[in-house]
Protein backbone atom coordinates (compact mmCIF):
# COMPACT_ATOMS: atom_id res chain seq x y z
CA MET A 1 107.21 105.15 114.33
CA GLN A 2 110.93 106.52 113.77
CA SER A 3 112.81 107.77 116.76
CA LEU A 4 114.25 111.31 116.95
CA ARG A 5 117.79 111.22 115.32
CA ILE A 6 120.12 113.85 117.09
CA GLY A 7 123.55 114.12 115.82
CA ILE A 8 126.50 115.49 118.00
CA VAL A 9 129.62 116.67 116.26
CA GLY A 10 132.32 116.58 118.95
CA ALA A 11 133.20 114.41 121.80
CA GLY A 12 134.47 117.17 123.74
CA LEU A 13 132.81 118.45 127.59
CA GLY A 14 130.26 120.37 125.78
CA GLY A 15 129.13 117.51 123.41
CA LEU A 16 129.55 114.91 126.08
CA CYS A 17 127.55 116.74 128.62
CA LEU A 18 124.76 117.16 126.02
CA ALA A 19 124.62 113.31 124.89
CA GLN A 20 124.93 112.08 128.70
CA GLY A 21 122.01 114.72 129.55
CA LEU A 22 120.10 113.14 126.73
CA ALA A 23 120.41 109.80 127.64
CA ARG A 24 119.18 110.50 131.30
CA ALA A 25 116.22 111.60 129.67
CA GLY A 26 115.91 108.42 127.68
CA ILE A 27 117.19 109.94 124.33
CA ALA A 28 120.02 108.23 122.34
CA ALA A 29 121.84 110.74 120.45
CA THR A 30 124.73 109.76 117.92
CA VAL A 31 127.99 111.73 118.88
CA PHE A 32 130.49 111.89 115.86
CA GLU A 33 134.22 112.57 116.79
CA ARG A 34 137.04 112.99 114.49
CA ASP A 35 139.83 111.57 116.90
CA ARG A 36 140.05 107.79 116.35
CA THR A 37 139.90 107.14 120.25
CA ALA A 38 139.56 108.86 123.36
CA ASP A 39 143.01 109.31 124.07
CA SER A 40 144.57 109.92 120.58
CA ARG A 41 145.25 113.53 120.97
CA TRP A 42 146.78 116.17 123.67
CA GLN A 43 143.55 117.40 125.42
CA GLY A 44 144.96 119.75 128.05
CA TYR A 45 144.91 118.71 131.76
CA ARG A 46 143.64 120.81 134.64
CA LEU A 47 140.34 122.51 134.40
CA ARG A 48 138.90 124.72 137.10
CA ILE A 49 135.16 123.75 137.31
CA ASP A 50 133.28 126.67 138.93
CA GLY A 51 129.64 126.58 140.62
CA ASP A 52 128.03 126.86 137.02
CA GLY A 53 129.85 124.22 135.75
CA GLN A 54 129.35 121.95 138.90
CA GLN A 55 125.60 122.55 138.63
CA ALA A 56 125.59 121.42 134.85
CA LEU A 57 127.16 118.47 135.64
CA ARG A 58 125.03 117.47 138.67
CA GLN A 59 122.05 117.99 136.16
CA VAL A 60 123.31 115.58 133.70
CA MET A 61 125.16 113.08 135.59
CA THR A 62 123.79 110.04 137.53
CA PRO A 63 124.16 110.63 141.28
CA ARG A 64 127.09 107.94 141.15
CA GLN A 65 128.87 109.74 138.13
CA TYR A 66 128.65 113.21 139.79
CA GLU A 67 130.24 111.60 143.05
CA LEU A 68 132.92 110.06 141.11
CA PHE A 69 133.48 113.50 139.41
CA ARG A 70 133.80 115.27 142.78
CA GLN A 71 135.92 112.67 144.58
CA SER A 72 138.31 112.38 141.39
CA CYS A 73 139.06 116.17 141.51
CA SER A 74 142.36 117.64 143.26
CA LEU A 75 142.29 117.99 147.09
CA GLY A 76 142.89 121.82 146.64
CA GLY A 77 144.02 124.32 149.35
CA ASP A 78 144.64 127.80 149.89
CA ASP A 79 145.06 129.88 146.86
CA CYS A 80 147.80 132.82 146.37
CA PHE A 81 148.61 135.84 144.18
CA ILE A 82 152.15 136.74 143.92
CA ASP A 83 154.69 138.40 141.62
CA PRO A 84 157.86 136.22 140.37
CA GLN A 85 159.87 137.09 143.29
CA LEU A 86 157.19 135.56 145.41
CA ARG A 87 156.14 138.89 146.99
CA ALA A 88 152.32 138.63 147.97
CA LEU A 89 149.87 140.57 145.69
CA PRO A 90 146.27 140.32 147.11
CA GLU A 91 145.12 143.09 145.23
CA ARG A 92 145.40 141.34 141.99
CA LYS A 93 142.74 138.74 142.85
CA PRO A 94 139.81 138.93 140.57
CA ALA A 95 136.67 140.17 141.75
CA HIS A 96 134.84 136.99 140.75
CA TRP A 97 137.50 134.67 141.93
CA ARG A 98 136.28 131.69 143.90
CA PRO A 99 138.51 129.72 146.37
CA SER A 100 139.55 126.26 145.47
CA ALA A 101 137.65 123.48 147.02
CA GLN A 102 139.91 122.02 150.31
CA ALA A 103 139.17 118.16 150.55
CA ASP A 104 135.31 117.68 150.88
CA ASP A 105 134.25 120.95 151.23
CA ALA A 106 133.13 122.34 147.96
CA ALA A 107 130.33 124.76 148.97
CA GLU A 108 131.09 128.02 147.17
CA ARG A 109 134.41 126.90 145.78
CA ASP A 110 135.83 125.96 142.36
CA LEU A 111 136.74 122.23 141.94
CA SER A 112 139.98 121.69 139.70
CA ALA A 113 139.56 118.66 137.74
CA ASN A 114 141.72 116.61 135.42
CA ARG A 115 140.24 117.36 131.92
CA GLN A 116 140.49 113.81 130.48
CA THR A 117 139.41 112.15 133.72
CA LEU A 118 136.26 114.33 133.60
CA ARG A 119 135.65 113.47 129.84
CA GLU A 120 136.01 109.74 130.72
CA ILE A 121 133.35 110.00 133.14
CA LEU A 122 131.15 112.17 130.85
CA ALA A 123 131.50 109.25 128.17
CA SER A 124 130.65 106.45 130.45
CA GLY A 125 127.34 104.48 129.67
CA LEU A 126 127.58 106.30 125.92
CA GLU A 127 130.15 103.96 124.62
CA GLY A 128 127.73 102.77 122.06
CA GLN A 129 126.68 105.89 120.88
CA ILE A 130 130.20 107.62 120.20
CA ARG A 131 131.54 107.05 116.46
CA TRP A 132 135.35 107.47 116.60
CA GLY A 133 137.23 108.57 113.76
CA HIS A 134 134.31 110.54 112.16
CA ALA A 135 135.86 113.76 110.70
CA LEU A 136 133.04 115.75 109.63
CA ARG A 137 133.78 117.67 106.08
CA GLY A 138 130.05 119.13 106.06
CA PHE A 139 126.28 118.80 105.58
CA ARG A 140 123.45 119.42 103.41
CA GLU A 141 119.97 119.95 104.13
CA THR A 142 117.33 117.26 102.47
CA PRO A 143 113.71 116.94 102.78
CA GLU A 144 113.91 114.72 105.61
CA GLY A 145 116.61 116.07 107.51
CA LEU A 146 120.41 116.73 107.46
CA LEU A 147 122.84 114.62 105.64
CA LEU A 148 126.20 114.52 107.03
CA ASP A 149 129.35 114.19 105.05
CA PHE A 150 132.56 112.39 106.67
CA GLU A 151 135.90 111.81 105.42
CA ALA A 152 136.12 108.04 104.33
CA ARG A 153 133.30 107.26 106.18
CA PRO A 154 129.59 106.58 105.12
CA GLU A 155 127.18 109.56 105.03
CA CYS A 156 124.80 109.72 107.93
CA GLU A 157 121.46 111.48 108.26
CA VAL A 158 119.93 113.11 111.36
CA ASP A 159 117.07 115.46 112.18
CA VAL A 160 119.03 117.92 114.18
CA LEU A 161 122.66 118.76 114.31
CA ILE A 162 124.34 120.25 117.39
CA ALA A 163 127.93 121.51 116.64
CA ALA A 164 130.39 120.68 119.52
CA ASP A 165 133.38 120.63 117.29
CA GLY A 166 135.46 123.45 119.37
CA VAL A 167 137.21 126.42 117.74
CA GLY A 168 137.76 124.99 114.54
CA SER A 169 134.17 123.95 114.19
CA ALA A 170 133.53 122.39 110.56
CA VAL A 171 129.50 123.23 111.10
CA ARG A 172 130.58 126.93 111.83
CA ARG A 173 132.55 127.31 108.83
CA GLN A 174 129.89 126.32 106.76
CA LEU A 175 127.33 128.17 108.31
CA ILE A 176 128.95 131.06 109.04
CA PRO A 177 132.02 132.08 106.88
CA GLY A 178 134.12 134.68 108.26
CA GLY A 179 132.68 133.78 111.55
CA GLU A 180 136.18 132.69 113.02
CA PRO A 181 137.15 134.01 116.45
CA ASP A 182 139.85 136.71 116.56
CA ASP A 183 143.44 135.86 117.31
CA GLY A 184 144.41 138.35 120.16
CA GLY A 185 148.49 137.95 119.58
CA ALA A 186 148.64 136.14 122.67
CA ILE A 187 149.84 132.53 123.57
CA VAL A 188 148.89 130.07 126.29
CA LEU A 189 151.56 127.28 126.89
CA TYR A 190 150.65 124.53 129.23
CA GLY A 191 152.78 121.90 131.05
CA VAL A 192 153.02 119.21 133.62
CA THR A 193 155.63 118.37 136.26
CA PRO A 194 155.66 115.04 137.64
CA TRP A 195 155.17 115.15 141.20
CA GLU A 196 158.45 113.66 142.27
CA ALA A 197 160.42 115.69 139.62
CA LEU A 198 160.32 118.76 141.46
CA PRO A 199 163.22 118.99 143.99
CA ALA A 200 162.30 119.53 147.49
CA GLU A 201 164.50 122.62 147.91
CA ALA A 202 162.57 124.03 144.96
CA LEU A 203 159.03 123.95 147.20
CA THR A 204 157.71 127.32 148.24
CA PRO A 205 154.73 127.59 150.85
CA GLU A 206 152.63 128.90 148.15
CA LEU A 207 152.97 125.70 145.95
CA GLY A 208 151.26 122.55 146.87
CA GLN A 209 148.13 124.19 148.29
CA GLY A 210 145.58 125.63 146.10
CA VAL A 211 146.12 127.74 142.82
CA CYS A 212 149.34 129.87 142.75
CA VAL A 213 149.07 132.99 140.04
CA VAL A 214 152.00 134.54 139.36
CA PHE A 215 151.87 138.11 137.95
CA GLY A 216 154.86 139.03 135.76
CA ASP A 217 155.38 141.97 133.31
CA GLY A 218 152.80 141.04 130.56
CA LEU A 219 153.44 137.26 131.31
CA THR A 220 151.01 135.32 133.81
CA ALA A 221 151.69 131.79 135.38
CA VAL A 222 149.04 129.69 136.93
CA ILE A 223 150.73 127.05 138.97
CA GLU A 224 148.76 124.10 140.71
CA ALA A 225 149.46 120.89 142.61
CA MET A 226 147.16 118.21 141.06
CA ARG A 227 146.84 115.74 144.11
CA PHE A 228 144.29 112.94 143.95
CA ARG A 229 142.52 111.20 146.90
CA ALA A 230 143.19 107.56 145.58
CA PRO A 231 144.13 106.05 142.34
CA LEU A 232 141.63 107.14 139.84
CA PRO A 233 140.61 103.51 138.63
CA GLU A 234 140.10 102.45 142.42
CA LEU A 235 137.64 105.42 142.94
CA ALA A 236 135.80 104.41 139.77
CA ARG A 237 135.34 100.79 140.97
CA ARG A 238 134.04 101.96 144.43
CA LEU A 239 131.90 104.88 143.31
CA ALA A 240 130.65 104.05 139.69
CA PRO A 241 132.11 100.91 138.17
CA GLU A 242 130.50 101.90 134.71
CA ALA A 243 133.07 104.35 134.38
CA ALA A 244 136.61 103.25 133.34
CA LEU A 245 139.23 105.78 134.37
CA SER A 246 142.38 105.90 133.38
CA PRO A 247 145.46 105.94 136.06
CA LEU A 248 147.00 109.16 136.83
CA PRO A 249 149.71 110.19 139.20
CA ASP A 250 149.91 113.20 141.13
CA TYR A 251 151.36 116.36 139.03
CA TRP A 252 152.13 119.71 138.84
CA TYR A 253 149.90 121.87 136.52
CA TRP A 254 151.11 124.88 135.14
CA ALA A 255 150.30 127.27 132.22
CA CYS A 256 151.58 130.51 130.89
CA VAL A 257 149.71 133.21 129.41
CA ALA A 258 151.63 136.08 127.60
CA ARG A 259 151.58 137.97 124.22
CA ALA A 260 153.35 135.88 121.48
CA GLU A 261 156.60 138.11 121.49
CA ASP A 262 157.09 137.63 125.13
CA LEU A 263 156.87 133.80 124.50
CA GLY A 264 159.23 133.37 121.45
CA GLY A 265 157.10 134.45 118.73
CA ALA A 266 153.97 133.45 117.04
CA LEU A 267 153.39 129.79 117.03
CA PRO A 268 154.69 127.75 113.78
CA ALA A 269 152.26 125.77 111.86
CA GLU A 270 153.81 122.52 112.84
CA ARG A 271 153.84 121.60 116.49
CA LEU A 272 157.03 122.46 118.42
CA SER A 273 158.64 120.03 120.46
CA GLY A 274 158.24 119.90 124.38
CA ASP A 275 162.11 120.78 124.50
CA ALA A 276 161.32 124.16 122.28
CA LEU A 277 158.51 124.98 124.31
CA ARG A 278 160.41 124.74 127.82
CA ALA A 279 163.07 126.77 126.32
CA ARG A 280 160.44 129.48 125.68
CA VAL A 281 159.18 129.63 128.71
CA LEU A 282 162.85 129.41 130.54
CA GLN A 283 163.67 132.41 128.50
CA ALA A 284 160.58 134.16 129.11
CA THR A 285 160.83 133.88 133.06
CA ARG A 286 164.83 134.24 133.19
CA GLY A 287 164.42 136.99 136.26
CA TRP A 288 162.00 135.15 138.22
CA HIS A 289 162.77 133.39 141.63
CA SER A 290 164.58 129.99 140.95
CA ARG A 291 161.78 128.13 142.78
CA LEU A 292 159.25 128.95 140.46
CA ARG A 293 161.55 128.27 137.31
CA ALA A 294 162.06 125.05 138.78
CA VAL A 295 158.49 124.12 138.08
CA PHE A 296 158.84 124.83 134.42
CA ALA A 297 162.48 123.36 134.12
CA HIS A 298 161.35 120.17 135.34
CA GLY A 299 158.09 119.88 133.29
CA ASP A 300 158.04 116.66 131.37
CA PRO A 301 158.77 117.77 127.78
CA ARG A 302 156.26 114.81 126.38
CA CYS A 303 153.58 116.66 128.05
CA LEU A 304 154.00 120.50 126.81
CA GLY A 305 151.75 121.92 124.61
CA ALA A 306 150.79 125.53 123.53
CA ARG A 307 148.06 127.31 121.25
CA ALA A 308 147.21 131.10 120.05
CA ILE A 309 144.42 132.43 122.26
CA ARG A 310 141.33 133.08 120.04
CA ILE A 311 138.43 134.87 121.25
CA SER A 312 134.96 135.32 119.90
CA ALA A 313 134.52 139.13 119.21
CA GLU A 314 130.79 138.25 119.70
CA VAL A 315 128.00 135.71 119.13
CA PRO A 316 127.41 135.05 115.59
CA VAL A 317 124.18 134.43 114.01
CA TRP A 318 123.32 131.43 111.55
CA ARG A 319 120.64 130.47 109.40
CA CYS A 320 119.50 126.83 109.92
CA GLU A 321 116.77 126.05 112.43
CA ARG A 322 117.94 122.39 112.49
CA VAL A 323 121.38 123.19 113.78
CA ALA A 324 122.86 124.51 116.80
CA LEU A 325 126.27 125.44 117.95
CA LEU A 326 127.71 125.43 121.55
CA GLY A 327 130.81 126.00 123.36
CA ASP A 328 134.20 126.80 121.53
CA ALA A 329 132.32 126.22 118.43
CA ILE A 330 130.33 129.33 118.65
CA HIS A 331 131.72 131.40 121.34
CA ALA A 332 135.64 130.67 121.83
CA MET A 333 137.16 132.16 125.27
CA SER A 334 140.55 132.93 126.58
CA PRO A 335 141.68 130.43 129.28
CA ALA A 336 141.49 133.62 131.44
CA GLY A 337 139.04 132.67 134.38
CA GLY A 338 138.28 129.21 133.10
CA LEU A 339 135.07 130.36 131.64
CA GLY A 340 135.35 128.30 128.54
CA ALA A 341 134.79 124.73 129.79
CA ASN A 342 132.06 125.79 132.17
CA THR A 343 130.29 127.78 129.62
CA ALA A 344 130.34 124.83 127.34
CA LEU A 345 129.21 122.54 130.33
CA CYS A 346 125.97 124.81 130.78
CA ASP A 347 125.29 125.34 127.00
CA GLY A 348 125.25 121.35 126.97
CA ALA A 349 123.12 120.75 129.79
CA ALA A 350 120.49 123.50 129.19
CA LEU A 351 120.14 121.97 125.57
CA ALA A 352 119.61 118.56 126.69
CA GLN A 353 116.73 119.99 128.85
CA ALA A 354 115.16 121.69 126.23
CA LEU A 355 115.65 118.83 123.86
CA ALA A 356 114.43 116.01 126.48
CA ARG A 357 110.72 117.21 125.58
CA ALA A 358 110.94 117.01 121.96
CA GLY A 359 109.41 114.01 120.08
CA THR A 360 109.51 115.16 116.40
CA ALA A 361 111.90 116.95 114.06
CA ALA A 362 109.81 119.99 114.28
CA GLU A 363 109.65 119.94 118.29
CA ALA A 364 113.44 119.68 118.41
CA ALA A 365 113.68 122.51 115.94
CA ALA A 366 111.51 124.67 118.02
CA ALA A 367 113.61 123.43 121.25
CA LEU A 368 116.94 124.50 119.58
CA ARG A 369 115.19 127.99 118.94
CA ALA A 370 114.12 128.20 122.66
CA TRP A 371 117.28 127.47 123.89
CA GLU A 372 119.59 129.93 121.69
CA PRO A 373 118.44 133.20 123.55
CA GLY A 374 119.75 131.77 126.90
CA MET A 375 122.91 130.54 125.34
CA ARG A 376 123.63 133.76 123.84
CA ARG A 377 123.02 135.85 127.35
CA ARG A 378 125.44 133.33 128.97
CA ALA A 379 128.12 133.58 126.22
CA ALA A 380 127.78 137.37 126.16
CA ALA A 381 128.29 137.51 129.88
CA ALA A 382 131.34 135.15 129.79
CA LEU A 383 132.97 136.55 126.70
CA SER A 384 133.22 139.86 128.62
CA LEU A 385 134.60 138.53 131.85
CA SER A 386 137.16 136.72 129.62
CA LEU A 387 138.27 139.55 127.66
CA ALA A 388 138.66 141.77 130.85
CA GLY A 389 140.76 138.45 132.61
CA THR A 390 143.23 138.47 129.43
CA ALA A 391 143.72 141.96 129.67
CA ARG A 392 144.44 141.37 133.60
CA LEU A 393 146.98 138.65 132.70
CA LEU A 394 148.86 140.56 130.44
CA GLN A 395 148.99 143.84 132.10
CA THR A 396 152.70 145.17 133.09
CA THR A 397 153.17 145.11 136.91
CA THR A 398 156.90 145.76 137.49
CA ARG A 399 157.40 146.24 141.35
CA ALA A 400 160.46 147.84 142.71
């Protein structure tokens, strides 16, 4: 008897979370990823993993993997909310904000993970199931299943297809023409400043602890010190030898969110150089305190990236019972509040649980239908918070 064939498009956090959960249930899904290697493309840096995201990871990971995830997160500290002149703005703290975890205290606190490190942990044990360099062009239904069409690769047939291929999802484009998320006219620019590159005189008490949120006039910056307990490869060898973690020194993470016109205009089709992106940030923050601007000025130009913020107005409906979409592929969100990654993790964990009981293609299709209402409720709540968070980040807050 042929085993159930589950295809997952996209080896990002949501897709790997699903694959890892299925693996724990004894189901070997195939993950198709357009990138040629795990580190062939800039993936972003620090992620806030909230209580829901932590629960999703605990559900799909082995105990060793989950402990490695926890121990690989930043040491954390007290969070602060300030204006560009370092004056406290405690009233700007969002109502749903959870403090950063400090050392080993993670109760009711968020954890700050390095994105690539978390991705490497989620991929551990799945090496034989991930097919790198598989860019999906589309699919078509057959009497036996779904035939996947790849660029310069042989076709592959699956019983059910899960689209976890991000905001530019090829599956969504085919199933939901015109279902692209909206461009709200805002930009997020990410950067990394090496720990040792920031001069001692630039340090301020707010930096080097937890998350520091700086509310400017229509531009908000998030700065956080990413400090690790031990070298990441050493942590992996000690806690979960099956996971190969790339070495990573401590760094300062920062991100600026603003309307496009306040960050130098809309992003061109070609990727801007790091020097050009850094110049945009320094121009936009020219009136800020010199200690804050030093974080941006000493950013590594090789590690700067930017993207337009795209937000789904709603979760659209698709018509194919053997296909499911999760994460940014179906409900793209603003980085405000860090809800996108956490919602994708919850999508993947819940879908793994639903599919774990399926033994046939018909049962798998029924599992997708049973999972979808929960995904929609979860996404609707997160999209609402994401929209409100974006508005809060972009509001004008001039103080005398």
